[in-house]
Amino acid sequence: MKRIVILCGIVLCFIQLNAQEKGVQFQDLTFQEVLDKAKAEDKLVFMDCYTSWCGPCKHMLNTVFVLPEMGEFFNDQFINVKYDMEKGEGPRLRGKFRITAYPTFLILRPDGTLQHRIVGARKGTDFLECVKRGAKEETSQFYLDELYRQGNLSKEQLPSYRVALKDAKRNAELKHITGEEFKQLSDVERCLSQYWYLYDQDEITFEDERFAYLIAHKTEFDKQVGKEIVDKRIYDSYFQRLAAFKANVPVSESVALIKRQIASVDFEKKEEIVLSLRYVEARNNQDIDVLLDIMEKSLRDLPRAFLWQAPFLDFIVKEGSWKQVDRYIGMENEMVEAMDNEPLKKAVKETFAKYRSGRIDN
């Protein structure tokens, strides 16, 4: 039995080593050495910027870079290196290339200038597409950045620039570029499915002109893109923003805008957004009676983000009247039953025990 276990271990090690040999071959070189080698071999440099504590970095190394198709492309196109951004040359390179997130992957020219940046872990096929874009000068960020700065980026090149910015997670610039692309389209083009990406972005909120256009032309978008897809985009845009509002931030203007918009449009789960809107408005205005009415009548209809928050609104206990506090404490059992895991149930019970005893932290 012991021999079998040892044999299986040897086989697994052999399989792993074999996979690594077929995958991306990272070379142990200093930064200057890798530039010299890239220049001598007329190749680009692929640089993996990681840290020892970064889980996604390890995922890429152990599951993506070991793939044969990765090795086939990378080993042919690049001199591949990886540097821990907290050791050796890492801190200097981190500053030089402004690395602020991990993992970050850089495609460099032999002279050490940046051609393309990819931020974040991805699946193998998706990552390979990002790298192929970066290896090709005319679709790389450096090339498209230069064209844009010079005012020479054509309408046809805007989609490529958008994707390049998305690779690097340059979200503010991505939103700006897609906004420019939107303005260059005719009314007919704006509703076509091929341009849906202009609206299907998390960065676009209900205040954006593109979202207002989507609401105003929803019937046409339903025909071109599909009602289910359009409804989800509208719901997500509202919910993500409502869930992001902090309890102590004034929301009257945003609430008023959402109310005007949803009055003229129907979409799947609209009732949930209306309920969430009422909840957020009452919570942020500290309108305790309205908030208690909502929770008494519709607690289990609240989205999870607000349901989980409902037992921990201590301003009701601090600022409310005795009658309001009694109403709130009276909902303890229903709130406990509404929670979907034991730690949350326990936290609710402990919190309401404090409410009953009057031991509320200021």
Protein backbone atom coordinates (compact mmCIF):
# COMPACT_ATOMS: atom_id res chain seq x y z
CA MET A 1 0.00 0.00 0.00
CA LYS A 2 2.82 2.35 0.92
CA ARG A 3 4.49 1.65 -2.43
CA ILE A 4 1.26 2.50 -4.27
CA VAL A 5 0.99 5.84 -2.45
CA ILE A 6 4.61 6.67 -3.29
CA LEU A 7 4.08 5.65 -6.92
CA CYS A 8 0.96 7.81 -7.19
CA GLY A 9 2.91 10.75 -5.76
CA ILE A 10 5.67 10.28 -8.32
CA VAL A 11 3.13 10.09 -11.15
CA LEU A 12 1.38 13.28 -9.98
CA CYS A 13 4.69 15.13 -9.76
CA PHE A 14 5.57 13.95 -13.26
CA ILE A 15 2.20 15.11 -14.61
CA GLN A 16 2.62 18.50 -12.93
CA LEU A 17 6.16 18.96 -14.22
CA ASN A 18 5.07 17.88 -17.68
CA ALA A 19 2.22 20.42 -17.62
CA GLN A 20 4.60 23.16 -16.51
CA GLU A 21 7.00 22.34 -19.34
CA LYS A 22 4.16 22.69 -21.83
CA GLY A 23 2.96 25.93 -20.27
CA VAL A 24 4.48 29.39 -20.07
CA GLN A 25 8.23 29.27 -19.39
CA PHE A 26 9.17 32.08 -17.00
CA GLN A 27 12.86 32.94 -17.03
CA ASP A 28 14.92 33.93 -14.01
CA LEU A 29 16.36 37.23 -15.26
CA THR A 30 16.92 40.71 -13.90
CA PHE A 31 14.91 43.45 -15.54
CA GLN A 32 17.92 44.69 -17.52
CA GLU A 33 18.77 41.15 -18.58
CA VAL A 34 15.26 40.53 -19.89
CA LEU A 35 15.37 43.76 -21.92
CA ASP A 36 18.74 42.82 -23.39
CA LYS A 37 17.46 39.37 -24.30
CA ALA A 38 14.27 40.76 -25.82
CA LYS A 39 16.32 43.13 -27.94
CA ALA A 40 18.66 40.35 -29.07
CA GLU A 41 15.79 38.02 -29.99
CA ASP A 42 13.50 40.79 -31.31
CA LYS A 43 10.71 39.84 -28.94
CA LEU A 44 8.34 41.57 -26.56
CA VAL A 45 8.51 41.06 -22.79
CA PHE A 46 5.63 39.58 -20.82
CA MET A 47 5.87 40.50 -17.14
CA ASP A 48 3.75 38.99 -14.38
CA CYS A 49 3.55 41.41 -11.44
CA TYR A 50 2.42 39.46 -8.37
CA THR A 51 2.68 39.26 -4.59
CA SER A 52 3.07 36.23 -2.33
CA TRP A 53 -0.30 36.86 -0.62
CA CYS A 54 -2.36 37.36 -3.80
CA GLY A 55 -4.79 34.46 -4.35
CA PRO A 56 -5.72 35.35 -7.96
CA CYS A 57 -1.98 35.56 -8.76
CA LYS A 58 -1.52 31.98 -7.60
CA HIS A 59 -4.60 30.91 -9.54
CA MET A 60 -3.16 32.30 -12.75
CA LEU A 61 0.20 30.63 -12.15
CA ASN A 62 -1.22 27.21 -11.26
CA THR A 63 -4.21 26.92 -13.59
CA VAL A 64 -3.78 29.31 -16.53
CA PHE A 65 -0.07 29.63 -17.27
CA VAL A 66 0.34 25.82 -17.22
CA LEU A 67 -2.03 25.35 -20.17
CA PRO A 68 -0.35 24.09 -23.36
CA GLU A 69 -2.05 26.72 -25.54
CA MET A 70 -0.62 29.42 -23.29
CA GLY A 71 2.89 28.04 -23.57
CA GLU A 72 2.58 27.72 -27.34
CA PHE A 73 1.78 31.41 -27.76
CA PHE A 74 3.75 33.01 -24.91
CA ASN A 75 7.01 31.12 -25.40
CA ASP A 76 7.02 32.01 -29.09
CA GLN A 77 6.08 35.67 -28.74
CA PHE A 78 7.67 36.83 -25.48
CA ILE A 79 10.51 36.64 -23.05
CA ASN A 80 8.45 35.75 -19.97
CA VAL A 81 9.38 36.92 -16.47
CA LYS A 82 7.60 37.30 -13.16
CA TYR A 83 8.53 39.54 -10.24
CA ASP A 84 7.25 39.69 -6.68
CA MET A 85 6.37 43.37 -6.28
CA GLU A 86 7.47 43.33 -2.66
CA LYS A 87 10.90 41.75 -3.06
CA GLY A 88 14.14 42.38 -4.97
CA GLU A 89 13.54 44.59 -7.98
CA GLY A 90 9.79 44.45 -7.36
CA PRO A 91 9.30 47.71 -5.42
CA ARG A 92 11.25 49.69 -8.02
CA LEU A 93 9.31 48.13 -10.90
CA ARG A 94 6.05 48.66 -9.04
CA GLY A 95 6.78 52.37 -8.87
CA LYS A 96 8.12 52.60 -12.40
CA PHE A 97 5.00 51.04 -13.95
CA ARG A 98 2.52 52.29 -11.35
CA ILE A 99 1.28 48.88 -10.26
CA THR A 100 -1.65 49.35 -7.87
CA ALA A 101 -3.56 46.06 -8.18
CA TYR A 102 -2.67 42.39 -8.33
CA PRO A 103 -2.23 40.53 -10.48
CA THR A 104 -1.11 43.02 -13.13
CA PHE A 105 0.44 41.83 -16.39
CA LEU A 106 2.57 44.05 -18.61
CA ILE A 107 3.61 43.67 -22.22
CA LEU A 108 6.78 45.68 -22.75
CA ARG A 109 8.88 46.63 -25.74
CA PRO A 110 12.58 45.75 -25.76
CA ASP A 111 13.37 49.36 -24.79
CA GLY A 112 11.33 48.90 -21.59
CA THR A 113 8.35 51.05 -22.61
CA LEU A 114 4.83 49.85 -21.92
CA GLN A 115 2.77 48.50 -24.81
CA HIS A 116 -0.19 46.93 -23.02
CA ARG A 117 -1.51 46.43 -19.48
CA ILE A 118 -3.87 43.74 -18.19
CA VAL A 119 -5.25 44.00 -14.67
CA GLY A 120 -6.87 41.10 -12.85
CA ALA A 121 -7.14 37.33 -13.23
CA ARG A 122 -9.11 35.80 -16.09
CA LYS A 123 -10.02 32.45 -17.55
CA GLY A 124 -7.48 30.96 -19.95
CA THR A 125 -9.22 31.76 -23.26
CA ASP A 126 -10.22 35.26 -22.14
CA PHE A 127 -6.73 36.01 -20.90
CA LEU A 128 -5.13 34.77 -24.11
CA GLU A 129 -7.36 37.11 -26.13
CA CYS A 130 -6.25 40.05 -23.95
CA VAL A 131 -2.60 39.14 -24.47
CA LYS A 132 -3.02 38.72 -28.22
CA ARG A 133 -4.52 42.20 -28.41
CA GLY A 134 -1.59 43.59 -26.47
CA ALA A 135 0.99 41.80 -28.60
CA LYS A 136 -0.44 43.35 -31.76
CA GLU A 137 0.65 46.98 -31.96
CA GLU A 138 -2.45 48.35 -33.69
CA THR A 139 -4.76 47.00 -30.94
CA SER A 140 -2.45 47.72 -28.00
CA GLN A 141 -3.15 50.39 -25.41
CA PHE A 142 0.03 52.36 -26.12
CA TYR A 143 -0.75 52.70 -29.82
CA LEU A 144 -4.43 53.59 -29.30
CA ASP A 145 -3.62 55.94 -26.41
CA GLU A 146 -1.29 57.88 -28.69
CA LEU A 147 -3.89 58.12 -31.46
CA TYR A 148 -6.50 59.33 -28.98
CA ARG A 149 -4.17 61.96 -27.48
CA GLN A 150 -3.37 63.23 -30.96
CA GLY A 151 -7.06 63.37 -31.90
CA ASN A 152 -6.50 60.80 -34.66
CA LEU A 153 -8.53 57.89 -33.29
CA SER A 154 -11.15 56.99 -35.88
CA LYS A 155 -14.73 55.92 -35.22
CA GLU A 156 -13.79 52.43 -36.40
CA GLN A 157 -10.98 52.25 -33.82
CA LEU A 158 -13.13 53.25 -30.85
CA PRO A 159 -14.30 49.65 -30.15
CA SER A 160 -10.66 48.46 -30.05
CA TYR A 161 -9.73 51.29 -27.69
CA ARG A 162 -12.71 50.47 -25.47
CA VAL A 163 -11.56 46.85 -25.15
CA ALA A 164 -7.97 47.91 -24.45
CA LEU A 165 -9.13 50.19 -21.64
CA LYS A 166 -11.27 47.38 -20.28
CA ASP A 167 -8.19 45.09 -20.21
CA ALA A 168 -6.46 47.60 -17.93
CA LYS A 169 -9.59 48.34 -15.88
CA ARG A 170 -9.29 52.02 -16.66
CA ASN A 171 -12.98 52.40 -15.86
CA ALA A 172 -13.28 56.18 -15.78
CA GLU A 173 -11.70 56.48 -19.23
CA LEU A 174 -13.77 53.55 -20.47
CA LYS A 175 -16.96 55.33 -19.45
CA HIS A 176 -15.79 58.51 -21.19
CA ILE A 177 -14.86 56.71 -24.42
CA THR A 178 -18.11 54.77 -24.65
CA GLY A 179 -19.92 58.04 -24.01
CA GLU A 180 -18.14 59.58 -26.98
CA GLU A 181 -18.96 56.56 -29.10
CA PHE A 182 -22.62 56.87 -28.10
CA LYS A 183 -22.74 60.50 -29.25
CA GLN A 184 -21.39 59.58 -32.69
CA LEU A 185 -24.22 57.14 -33.42
CA SER A 186 -27.55 57.93 -35.04
CA ASP A 187 -30.84 57.21 -33.24
CA VAL A 188 -31.31 54.07 -35.33
CA GLU A 189 -27.79 52.80 -34.57
CA ARG A 190 -28.10 53.47 -30.83
CA CYS A 191 -30.82 50.83 -30.44
CA LEU A 192 -29.08 48.09 -32.44
CA SER A 193 -27.92 44.96 -30.59
CA GLN A 194 -24.36 45.39 -31.90
CA TYR A 195 -24.03 48.55 -29.79
CA TRP A 196 -25.60 47.11 -26.63
CA TYR A 197 -22.17 47.18 -24.95
CA LEU A 198 -22.58 50.96 -24.71
CA TYR A 199 -25.30 50.40 -22.11
CA ASP A 200 -24.27 47.09 -20.55
CA GLN A 201 -21.61 48.47 -18.22
CA ASP A 202 -21.66 48.59 -14.43
CA GLU A 203 -20.10 52.06 -14.54
CA ILE A 204 -23.27 53.45 -16.13
CA THR A 205 -25.75 54.63 -13.50
CA PHE A 206 -29.27 55.99 -13.83
CA GLU A 207 -27.84 59.54 -14.00
CA ASP A 208 -26.01 58.78 -17.28
CA GLU A 209 -27.46 60.08 -20.54
CA ARG A 210 -27.18 56.61 -22.06
CA PHE A 211 -29.36 55.17 -19.32
CA ALA A 212 -31.94 57.93 -19.88
CA TYR A 213 -31.90 57.06 -23.59
CA LEU A 214 -32.38 53.38 -22.79
CA ILE A 215 -35.41 54.15 -20.62
CA ALA A 216 -36.92 56.47 -23.24
CA HIS A 217 -36.51 53.88 -26.04
CA LYS A 218 -37.06 50.67 -24.10
CA THR A 219 -39.64 49.27 -26.51
CA GLU A 220 -37.18 49.42 -29.39
CA PHE A 221 -34.36 47.98 -27.25
CA ASP A 222 -36.67 45.10 -26.26
CA LYS A 223 -37.13 44.28 -29.95
CA GLN A 224 -33.47 44.60 -30.90
CA VAL A 225 -31.71 43.21 -27.82
CA GLY A 226 -34.34 41.17 -25.98
CA LYS A 227 -36.67 42.20 -23.15
CA GLU A 228 -35.05 39.90 -20.57
CA ILE A 229 -31.58 41.38 -21.18
CA VAL A 230 -32.85 44.97 -21.15
CA ASP A 231 -34.92 44.43 -18.00
CA LYS A 232 -31.92 43.00 -16.18
CA ARG A 233 -29.73 45.95 -17.15
CA ILE A 234 -32.33 48.42 -15.86
CA TYR A 235 -32.88 46.49 -12.62
CA ASP A 236 -29.13 46.11 -11.99
CA SER A 237 -28.46 49.81 -12.60
CA TYR A 238 -31.07 50.85 -10.06
CA PHE A 239 -30.31 48.19 -7.47
CA GLN A 240 -26.51 48.58 -7.52
CA ARG A 241 -26.84 52.30 -6.87
CA LEU A 242 -29.52 51.96 -4.19
CA ALA A 243 -27.50 49.30 -2.38
CA ALA A 244 -24.40 51.53 -2.53
CA PHE A 245 -26.06 54.50 -0.82
CA LYS A 246 -24.71 54.95 2.70
CA ALA A 247 -27.29 55.44 5.43
CA ASN A 248 -26.02 58.93 6.35
CA VAL A 249 -25.91 60.35 2.80
CA PRO A 250 -28.72 62.61 1.47
CA VAL A 251 -30.49 60.90 -1.42
CA SER A 252 -33.46 63.17 -2.16
CA GLU A 253 -32.27 64.22 -5.63
CA SER A 254 -31.38 60.67 -6.68
CA VAL A 255 -34.66 59.33 -5.32
CA ALA A 256 -36.63 61.99 -7.17
CA LEU A 257 -34.85 61.12 -10.46
CA ILE A 258 -35.49 57.39 -10.06
CA LYS A 259 -39.15 58.03 -9.28
CA ARG A 260 -39.54 60.09 -12.45
CA GLN A 261 -37.82 57.43 -14.55
CA ILE A 262 -39.66 54.35 -13.28
CA ALA A 263 -43.02 56.11 -13.56
CA SER A 264 -42.70 55.83 -17.35
CA VAL A 265 -41.22 52.36 -17.77
CA ASP A 266 -42.03 48.76 -16.86
CA PHE A 267 -39.44 46.04 -16.28
CA GLU A 268 -39.07 42.72 -14.48
CA LYS A 269 -38.90 43.06 -10.67
CA LYS A 270 -39.91 46.72 -10.82
CA GLU A 271 -41.89 46.18 -7.59
CA GLU A 272 -38.67 45.19 -5.81
CA ILE A 273 -36.96 48.40 -6.92
CA VAL A 274 -39.96 50.48 -5.81
CA LEU A 275 -39.86 48.81 -2.38
CA SER A 276 -36.08 49.26 -2.13
CA LEU A 277 -36.45 52.92 -3.10
CA ARG A 278 -39.02 53.48 -0.34
CA TYR A 279 -36.78 51.71 2.16
CA VAL A 280 -33.65 53.71 1.28
CA GLU A 281 -35.55 57.01 1.29
CA ALA A 282 -37.09 56.31 4.72
CA ARG A 283 -33.81 55.01 6.16
CA ASN A 284 -31.73 57.96 4.97
CA ASN A 285 -34.35 60.49 6.08
CA GLN A 286 -34.66 58.56 9.38
CA ASP A 287 -38.42 58.51 8.87
CA ILE A 288 -38.91 55.83 11.51
CA ASP A 289 -42.67 55.31 11.14
CA VAL A 290 -42.45 54.78 7.37
CA LEU A 291 -39.44 52.49 7.82
CA LEU A 292 -41.27 50.40 10.42
CA ASP A 293 -44.35 50.21 8.17
CA ILE A 294 -42.21 48.88 5.33
CA MET A 295 -40.53 46.25 7.51
CA GLU A 296 -43.78 45.14 9.17
CA LYS A 297 -45.57 44.70 5.86
CA SER A 298 -42.79 43.70 3.45
CA LEU A 299 -39.74 42.52 5.38
CA ARG A 300 -39.33 39.27 3.42
CA ASP A 301 -39.85 41.07 0.11
CA LEU A 302 -36.79 43.28 0.67
CA PRO A 303 -33.70 42.32 -1.37
CA ARG A 304 -31.09 40.49 0.69
CA ALA A 305 -28.80 43.54 0.95
CA PHE A 306 -31.53 45.46 2.81
CA LEU A 307 -33.00 42.48 4.65
CA TRP A 308 -29.62 41.75 6.26
CA GLN A 309 -29.33 45.40 7.25
CA ALA A 310 -32.80 45.74 8.78
CA PRO A 311 -31.98 44.32 12.25
CA PHE A 312 -29.04 46.68 12.75
CA LEU A 313 -30.69 50.10 12.35
CA ASP A 314 -29.81 51.24 15.86
CA PHE A 315 -30.86 54.84 15.19
CA ILE A 316 -34.44 53.61 15.61
CA VAL A 317 -33.65 52.61 19.20
CA LYS A 318 -31.58 55.73 19.88
CA GLU A 319 -33.90 58.30 18.30
CA GLY A 320 -37.31 56.64 18.27
CA SER A 321 -40.18 56.98 20.72
CA TRP A 322 -41.00 54.17 23.15
CA LYS A 323 -43.81 53.07 20.84
CA GLN A 324 -41.50 53.00 17.81
CA VAL A 325 -38.82 51.07 19.72
CA ASP A 326 -41.43 48.53 20.88
CA ARG A 327 -42.60 48.03 17.29
CA TYR A 328 -39.02 47.47 16.14
CA ILE A 329 -38.10 45.06 18.93
CA GLY A 330 -41.36 43.23 18.28
CA MET A 331 -40.02 42.21 14.86
CA GLU A 332 -37.09 40.25 16.29
CA ASN A 333 -38.50 36.76 15.70
CA GLU A 334 -39.53 37.50 12.13
CA MET A 335 -36.10 38.97 11.41
CA VAL A 336 -34.34 35.95 12.87
CA GLU A 337 -36.48 33.60 10.77
CA ALA A 338 -35.78 35.68 7.65
CA MET A 339 -32.01 35.24 7.97
CA ASP A 340 -30.60 32.41 5.85
CA ASN A 341 -27.60 31.36 7.96
CA GLU A 342 -26.89 30.65 11.61
CA PRO A 343 -24.20 33.31 12.21
CA LEU A 344 -26.64 36.01 11.05
CA LYS A 345 -29.44 34.61 13.20
CA LYS A 346 -27.09 34.67 16.20
CA ALA A 347 -26.00 38.25 15.43
CA VAL A 348 -29.64 39.40 15.25
CA LYS A 349 -30.47 37.80 18.60
CA GLU A 350 -27.43 39.38 20.25
CA THR A 351 -28.24 42.79 18.79
CA PHE A 352 -31.87 42.71 19.92
CA ALA A 353 -30.75 41.61 23.39
CA LYS A 354 -28.75 44.86 23.54
CA TYR A 355 -31.76 46.82 22.25
CA ARG A 356 -33.93 45.41 25.04
CA SER A 357 -31.33 46.15 27.70
CA GLY A 358 -30.68 49.65 26.42
CA ARG A 359 -26.95 48.90 25.89
CA ILE A 360 -26.49 50.69 22.56
CA ASP A 361 -23.05 51.95 21.54
CA ASN A 362 -22.91 55.62 20.64
